[in-house]
Amino acid sequence: MGQQATRIEKKRQPILRFWKDSTLAFLKVARRTPGFSLLDFIHGYVYLRWLYLYIGVGTGEYKLAKWIRPVANIIGKLFISSNGDPANKPTMAETYHGKVVPLEAAKQLIMVQESIELTNLEQIIPFKTARDIILMHPDHIAVVDCPCRVSRSEPCMPLDVCIVIGEPFASLIIENHPERSRWITSQEAEKILEAEHARGHVHHAYFKDAMLGRFYAICNCCSCCCGAMQAVRNGSPMIISSGYVCQLDQDLCIACDVCMDSCQFGAIYTEAGKLVIDDQTCMGCGVCVSVCPVNAMSLVIDPLKPAPLEINQLMQDKLLEEYI
């Protein structure tokens, strides 16, 4: 009996070795996630396992993208759930999205020290398929070379600016892309955010259906490399506002155009010799506020846009609800 059990165990071992520990952990969490199907798991695995090919095809920069994209779009339709109603079937762009977060809000996300579960965030993250913040082991943080920048022939530098937070995502990145990723502390992540902000780049909190329908990463994006910002320019709503809009004090403004040159979204322009901010185009990233030499700009909440993603406030609100 003992020898038979040993033979059975030996047969199982090669199967188990085929899957990395992080993949098995991802599968385990996926099975506990309501509504997460086998196709969703396959989509998520393909996305993280072949991240650079996936994004390279998505941005059109991969050499064979024009042949692969039609096939990928067909397969993608199989992955996206419509809950039985074709009318509710979202597009691919609606399954992968970013919410702009100003620097301080981005810092809050990488400083979380305890596992949290925040759902029903439609007023902040009004996406159909991915809008939860569920952080498991949020102190597990990995930085990985930005796949959008890697896909470009002349990318912005540095490359290692995409921050993956929590499990099972961080370990999936580390195990599948060891040559392009590394473990970092929250303090190191903060330095990356500050350095990218100083370069004029924008912080996006990313959500994806195949990433268990939740938040999983902060990317530091520039309009010249970022595939999601490129999609927005082409009319796909892959990025939404921070909930803030830039407000300009015309009495302080010296019309130096520094803010206009720094705006990644092209929301600032001149009219009759004065600077004008297009509230509809402004995403409330705060880059212009930081570069203004006379402090003529500030961020204010825009009640017409989704509420800001302030993780500390959300955690306090949840504690208050549980206490009451």
Protein backbone atom coordinates (compact mmCIF):
# COMPACT_ATOMS: atom_id res chain seq x y z
CA MET A 1 0.00 0.00 0.00
CA GLY A 2 2.85 2.35 0.87
CA GLN A 3 4.63 1.68 -2.45
CA GLN A 4 1.41 2.27 -4.42
CA ALA A 5 0.88 5.62 -2.69
CA THR A 6 4.47 6.57 -3.52
CA ARG A 7 3.93 5.73 -7.22
CA ILE A 8 0.76 7.82 -7.32
CA GLU A 9 2.59 10.74 -5.68
CA LYS A 10 5.41 10.49 -8.22
CA LYS A 11 2.85 10.69 -11.04
CA ARG A 12 1.36 13.82 -9.53
CA GLN A 13 4.62 15.66 -9.03
CA PRO A 14 5.36 16.46 -12.72
CA ILE A 15 1.86 17.93 -13.06
CA LEU A 16 2.34 20.09 -10.02
CA ARG A 17 5.80 21.18 -11.18
CA PHE A 18 4.29 22.35 -14.48
CA TRP A 19 2.51 25.13 -12.59
CA LYS A 20 4.47 27.69 -10.63
CA ASP A 21 3.47 28.23 -7.00
CA SER A 22 2.12 31.69 -7.84
CA THR A 23 -0.12 30.25 -10.56
CA LEU A 24 -1.57 27.70 -8.14
CA ALA A 25 -2.15 30.51 -5.62
CA PHE A 26 -3.90 32.56 -8.33
CA LEU A 27 -6.11 29.58 -9.18
CA LYS A 28 -6.97 29.06 -5.52
CA VAL A 29 -8.08 32.67 -5.07
CA ALA A 30 -9.87 32.65 -8.42
CA ARG A 31 -11.98 29.64 -7.37
CA ARG A 32 -13.17 31.61 -4.33
CA THR A 33 -14.02 34.70 -6.37
CA PRO A 34 -17.75 34.90 -7.23
CA GLY A 35 -18.44 34.90 -10.94
CA PHE A 36 -14.82 34.23 -11.92
CA SER A 37 -14.93 31.54 -14.60
CA LEU A 38 -12.35 29.16 -16.03
CA LEU A 39 -12.07 31.38 -19.09
CA ASP A 40 -11.39 34.36 -16.80
CA PHE A 41 -8.61 32.37 -15.14
CA ILE A 42 -7.07 31.47 -18.50
CA HIS A 43 -7.31 35.10 -19.60
CA GLY A 44 -5.61 36.26 -16.39
CA TYR A 45 -2.88 33.66 -16.68
CA VAL A 46 -2.18 34.54 -20.33
CA TYR A 47 -2.16 38.25 -19.46
CA LEU A 48 0.48 37.96 -16.73
CA ARG A 49 2.44 35.04 -18.19
CA TRP A 50 2.94 36.73 -21.58
CA LEU A 51 2.50 40.33 -20.40
CA TYR A 52 4.83 41.93 -22.93
CA LEU A 53 3.36 40.12 -25.90
CA TYR A 54 -0.18 40.89 -24.66
CA ILE A 55 0.46 44.63 -24.32
CA GLY A 56 2.64 44.77 -27.44
CA VAL A 57 -0.23 43.39 -29.49
CA GLY A 58 -2.71 45.68 -27.73
CA THR A 59 -0.69 48.81 -28.51
CA GLY A 60 -0.01 47.66 -32.06
CA GLU A 61 3.75 47.86 -31.54
CA TYR A 62 4.45 44.13 -31.78
CA LYS A 63 5.76 43.22 -35.23
CA LEU A 64 2.99 40.70 -35.95
CA ALA A 65 0.26 42.72 -34.21
CA LYS A 66 -1.79 43.39 -37.35
CA TRP A 67 -2.21 39.63 -37.87
CA ILE A 68 -2.56 38.67 -34.22
CA ARG A 69 -5.02 41.39 -33.13
CA PRO A 70 -8.02 40.14 -35.16
CA VAL A 71 -7.57 36.66 -33.68
CA ALA A 72 -7.03 38.13 -30.20
CA ASN A 73 -10.24 40.16 -30.52
CA ILE A 74 -12.23 37.04 -31.39
CA ILE A 75 -10.74 35.12 -28.48
CA GLY A 76 -11.27 38.14 -26.24
CA LYS A 77 -15.01 38.03 -26.91
CA LEU A 78 -15.07 34.55 -25.46
CA PHE A 79 -13.30 35.70 -22.31
CA ILE A 80 -15.61 38.61 -21.55
CA SER A 81 -18.74 37.67 -19.64
CA SER A 82 -22.09 39.24 -20.57
CA ASN A 83 -24.03 37.48 -17.79
CA GLY A 84 -26.25 35.93 -20.44
CA ASP A 85 -27.31 39.25 -21.93
CA PRO A 86 -25.51 40.26 -25.17
CA ALA A 87 -26.67 43.85 -24.68
CA ASN A 88 -24.61 44.05 -21.50
CA LYS A 89 -21.48 42.61 -23.07
CA PRO A 90 -18.66 45.15 -22.49
CA THR A 91 -15.93 45.89 -24.98
CA MET A 92 -12.30 44.86 -24.39
CA ALA A 93 -11.49 48.47 -23.44
CA GLU A 94 -14.09 48.31 -20.69
CA THR A 95 -12.42 45.31 -19.05
CA TYR A 96 -9.04 46.97 -18.48
CA HIS A 97 -9.07 50.43 -17.06
CA GLY A 98 -7.16 52.95 -15.04
CA LYS A 99 -8.27 55.60 -12.61
CA VAL A 100 -6.02 58.63 -12.36
CA VAL A 101 -4.73 59.17 -8.82
CA PRO A 102 -2.75 62.24 -7.69
CA LEU A 103 0.61 61.62 -6.04
CA GLU A 104 -0.60 61.59 -2.43
CA ALA A 105 -3.46 59.20 -3.23
CA ALA A 106 -1.03 56.90 -5.04
CA LYS A 107 1.25 56.89 -1.99
CA GLN A 108 -1.66 55.82 0.19
CA LEU A 109 -2.21 52.75 -1.98
CA ILE A 110 1.34 51.49 -1.57
CA MET A 111 1.44 52.22 2.17
CA VAL A 112 -1.45 49.92 3.16
CA GLN A 113 -0.15 47.51 5.81
CA GLU A 114 -3.12 45.20 6.34
CA SER A 115 -5.34 43.08 4.14
CA ILE A 116 -8.51 44.95 3.18
CA GLU A 117 -11.69 44.29 1.23
CA LEU A 118 -13.57 47.22 -0.24
CA THR A 119 -16.43 46.52 -2.61
CA ASN A 120 -19.46 48.40 -3.97
CA LEU A 121 -17.27 51.30 -5.08
CA GLU A 122 -19.38 52.27 -8.08
CA GLN A 123 -19.34 55.96 -7.13
CA ILE A 124 -15.52 55.92 -7.34
CA ILE A 125 -14.79 53.22 -9.91
CA PRO A 126 -17.84 53.00 -12.20
CA PHE A 127 -16.57 50.10 -14.30
CA LYS A 128 -18.83 47.20 -15.27
CA THR A 129 -16.43 44.34 -14.69
CA ALA A 130 -13.62 45.44 -12.34
CA ARG A 131 -14.15 47.85 -9.48
CA ASP A 132 -13.15 46.24 -6.18
CA ILE A 133 -10.16 46.93 -3.95
CA ILE A 134 -9.23 43.66 -2.26
CA LEU A 135 -5.64 43.67 -1.05
CA MET A 136 -4.13 40.42 0.22
CA HIS A 137 -0.63 40.84 1.68
CA PRO A 138 -0.39 44.47 0.50
CA ASP A 139 3.18 44.60 1.81
CA HIS A 140 4.14 42.25 -1.04
CA ILE A 141 5.11 44.79 -3.71
CA ALA A 142 6.90 44.17 -6.99
CA VAL A 143 8.13 46.62 -9.60
CA VAL A 144 8.22 45.47 -13.21
CA ASP A 145 9.42 47.02 -16.46
CA CYS A 146 6.50 48.89 -18.01
CA PRO A 147 5.19 46.74 -20.90
CA CYS A 148 3.97 49.83 -22.76
CA ARG A 149 7.43 51.42 -22.63
CA VAL A 150 9.18 48.15 -23.49
CA SER A 151 7.04 47.84 -26.63
CA ARG A 152 8.17 51.23 -27.97
CA SER A 153 11.25 51.67 -30.17
CA GLU A 154 12.34 54.79 -28.24
CA PRO A 155 10.69 54.52 -24.82
CA CYS A 156 10.75 56.97 -21.95
CA MET A 157 13.15 56.01 -19.19
CA PRO A 158 13.40 54.39 -16.73
CA LEU A 159 11.53 51.23 -17.65
CA ASP A 160 10.95 49.80 -14.15
CA VAL A 161 8.02 51.98 -13.07
CA CYS A 162 4.98 49.68 -12.92
CA ILE A 163 4.16 48.74 -9.31
CA VAL A 164 2.20 45.55 -8.64
CA ILE A 165 0.63 45.36 -5.19
CA GLY A 166 -0.56 42.38 -3.16
CA GLU A 167 -1.09 38.69 -3.81
CA PRO A 168 -1.41 36.67 -5.91
CA PHE A 169 -0.37 39.28 -8.48
CA ALA A 170 3.05 40.32 -7.16
CA SER A 171 4.32 36.74 -6.97
CA LEU A 172 2.96 35.98 -10.46
CA ILE A 173 5.00 38.86 -11.84
CA ILE A 174 8.16 37.89 -9.97
CA GLU A 175 8.00 34.19 -10.92
CA ASN A 176 7.06 34.73 -14.57
CA HIS A 177 9.26 37.76 -15.31
CA PRO A 178 12.31 37.42 -13.05
CA GLU A 179 14.55 39.25 -15.52
CA ARG A 180 12.25 42.29 -15.62
CA SER A 181 10.96 42.52 -12.04
CA ARG A 182 12.08 42.65 -8.44
CA TRP A 183 10.66 42.84 -4.93
CA ILE A 184 10.60 46.32 -3.37
CA THR A 185 9.51 47.87 -0.09
CA SER A 186 6.74 50.44 0.25
CA GLN A 187 9.44 53.06 0.80
CA GLU A 188 11.11 52.14 -2.48
CA ALA A 189 7.72 52.25 -4.21
CA GLU A 190 7.17 55.73 -2.78
CA LYS A 191 10.48 56.90 -4.26
CA ILE A 192 9.45 55.55 -7.67
CA LEU A 193 6.16 57.45 -7.47
CA GLU A 194 7.90 60.68 -6.49
CA ALA A 195 10.53 60.36 -9.21
CA GLU A 196 7.91 59.68 -11.89
CA HIS A 197 5.79 62.58 -10.68
CA ALA A 198 8.84 64.84 -10.93
CA ARG A 199 9.24 63.69 -14.55
CA GLY A 200 5.68 64.84 -15.22
CA HIS A 201 4.21 61.36 -15.52
CA VAL A 202 0.73 60.40 -14.34
CA HIS A 203 -0.21 57.73 -11.77
CA HIS A 204 -2.97 55.32 -12.78
CA ALA A 205 -4.53 52.75 -10.45
CA TYR A 206 -5.33 49.83 -12.75
CA PHE A 207 -8.25 47.39 -12.53
CA LYS A 208 -8.89 44.41 -14.80
CA ASP A 209 -11.57 41.76 -15.15
CA ALA A 210 -9.00 38.98 -15.54
CA MET A 211 -7.17 40.19 -12.43
CA LEU A 212 -10.02 38.87 -10.29
CA GLY A 213 -12.04 41.98 -11.12
CA ARG A 214 -10.00 44.17 -8.81
CA PHE A 215 -7.20 46.69 -8.34
CA TYR A 216 -3.76 45.20 -8.82
CA ALA A 217 -1.23 47.82 -9.94
CA ILE A 218 -0.15 51.44 -10.12
CA CYS A 219 1.45 52.45 -13.41
CA ASN A 220 3.31 55.70 -13.94
CA CYS A 221 2.31 56.77 -17.40
CA CYS A 222 3.35 59.17 -20.14
CA SER A 223 1.17 60.01 -23.13
CA CYS A 224 3.88 59.04 -25.61
CA CYS A 225 4.21 55.42 -24.39
CA CYS A 226 1.05 54.50 -22.47
CA GLY A 227 -1.32 52.25 -24.41
CA ALA A 228 -4.31 53.24 -22.25
CA MET A 229 -3.70 56.96 -22.82
CA GLN A 230 -3.33 56.20 -26.51
CA ALA A 231 -6.71 54.45 -26.42
CA VAL A 232 -8.31 57.49 -24.76
CA ARG A 233 -7.02 59.69 -27.58
CA ASN A 234 -8.67 57.26 -30.00
CA GLY A 235 -12.01 57.44 -28.19
CA SER A 236 -11.87 54.36 -25.90
CA PRO A 237 -12.66 55.22 -22.25
CA MET A 238 -9.87 53.18 -20.67
CA ILE A 239 -8.92 55.88 -18.15
CA ILE A 240 -11.21 57.90 -15.91
CA SER A 241 -10.70 61.09 -13.94
CA SER A 242 -9.24 61.18 -10.45
CA GLY A 243 -12.39 62.99 -9.36
CA TYR A 244 -10.52 66.26 -9.23
CA VAL A 245 -10.16 69.02 -11.77
CA CYS A 246 -7.48 71.69 -11.98
CA GLN A 247 -8.55 75.18 -10.99
CA LEU A 248 -6.60 78.22 -12.22
CA ASP A 249 -6.28 81.54 -10.39
CA GLN A 250 -6.07 84.02 -13.27
CA ASP A 251 -4.89 86.79 -10.93
CA LEU A 252 -1.77 84.80 -10.04
CA CYS A 253 -1.14 83.28 -13.46
CA ILE A 254 1.79 84.76 -15.42
CA ALA A 255 0.99 82.79 -18.62
CA CYS A 256 4.40 81.13 -18.67
CA ASP A 257 2.93 78.06 -20.41
CA VAL A 258 4.88 75.65 -18.17
CA CYS A 259 1.65 73.91 -17.12
CA MET A 260 0.45 73.67 -20.72
CA ASP A 261 3.68 71.98 -21.79
CA SER A 262 3.47 69.53 -18.88
CA CYS A 263 -0.15 68.43 -19.32
CA GLN A 264 -0.23 64.80 -20.48
CA PHE A 265 -3.89 65.08 -21.51
CA GLY A 266 -3.75 68.31 -23.54
CA ALA A 267 -6.31 69.94 -21.26
CA ILE A 268 -4.61 73.35 -21.05
CA TYR A 269 -4.51 75.83 -23.92
CA THR A 270 -4.36 79.58 -24.53
CA GLU A 271 -7.23 81.76 -25.66
CA ALA A 272 -7.04 85.53 -26.11
CA GLY A 273 -3.67 85.53 -24.36
CA LYS A 274 -4.95 83.67 -21.29
CA LEU A 275 -4.60 80.09 -20.14
CA VAL A 276 -7.77 78.01 -20.22
CA ILE A 277 -8.40 74.60 -18.64
CA ASP A 278 -10.82 72.25 -20.37
CA ASP A 279 -12.72 70.66 -17.46
CA GLN A 280 -13.93 67.79 -19.66
CA THR A 281 -10.42 66.82 -20.76
CA CYS A 282 -8.64 67.46 -17.45
CA MET A 283 -8.12 64.20 -15.52
CA GLY A 284 -7.07 65.83 -12.25
CA CYS A 285 -3.60 64.28 -12.06
CA GLY A 286 -1.99 67.28 -10.38
CA VAL A 287 1.15 67.44 -12.54
CA CYS A 288 0.41 71.02 -13.59
CA VAL A 289 -0.13 72.02 -9.96
CA SER A 290 3.36 70.80 -9.10
CA VAL A 291 5.14 72.62 -11.93
CA CYS A 292 3.40 76.00 -11.65
CA PRO A 293 6.11 78.46 -10.49
CA VAL A 294 3.62 80.88 -8.88
CA ASN A 295 1.18 78.40 -7.26
CA ALA A 296 -1.66 79.59 -9.46
CA MET A 297 -3.16 76.11 -9.82
CA SER A 298 -4.90 73.75 -7.43
CA LEU A 299 -6.98 70.58 -7.52
CA VAL A 300 -10.63 70.78 -6.50
CA ILE A 301 -13.26 68.03 -6.42
CA ASP A 302 -15.45 67.94 -9.52
CA PRO A 303 -18.95 66.77 -8.47
CA LEU A 304 -19.71 65.79 -12.07
CA LYS A 305 -17.01 63.12 -12.10
CA PRO A 306 -16.50 59.88 -10.13
CA ALA A 307 -15.35 60.51 -6.55
CA PRO A 308 -11.62 60.46 -5.73
CA LEU A 309 -9.93 57.18 -4.82
CA GLU A 310 -8.61 57.96 -1.33
CA ILE A 311 -7.85 54.59 0.25
CA ASN A 312 -7.27 55.94 3.77
CA GLN A 313 -10.68 57.62 3.80
CA LEU A 314 -12.35 54.49 2.43
CA MET A 315 -10.76 52.37 5.16
CA GLN A 316 -11.88 54.83 7.84
CA ASP A 317 -15.42 54.85 6.45
CA LYS A 318 -15.55 51.05 6.53
CA LEU A 319 -14.32 50.94 10.15
CA LEU A 320 -16.99 53.46 11.08
CA GLU A 321 -19.69 51.38 9.40
CA GLU A 322 -18.55 48.23 11.22
CA TYR A 323 -18.46 50.09 14.54
CA ILE A 324 -21.99 51.46 14.09
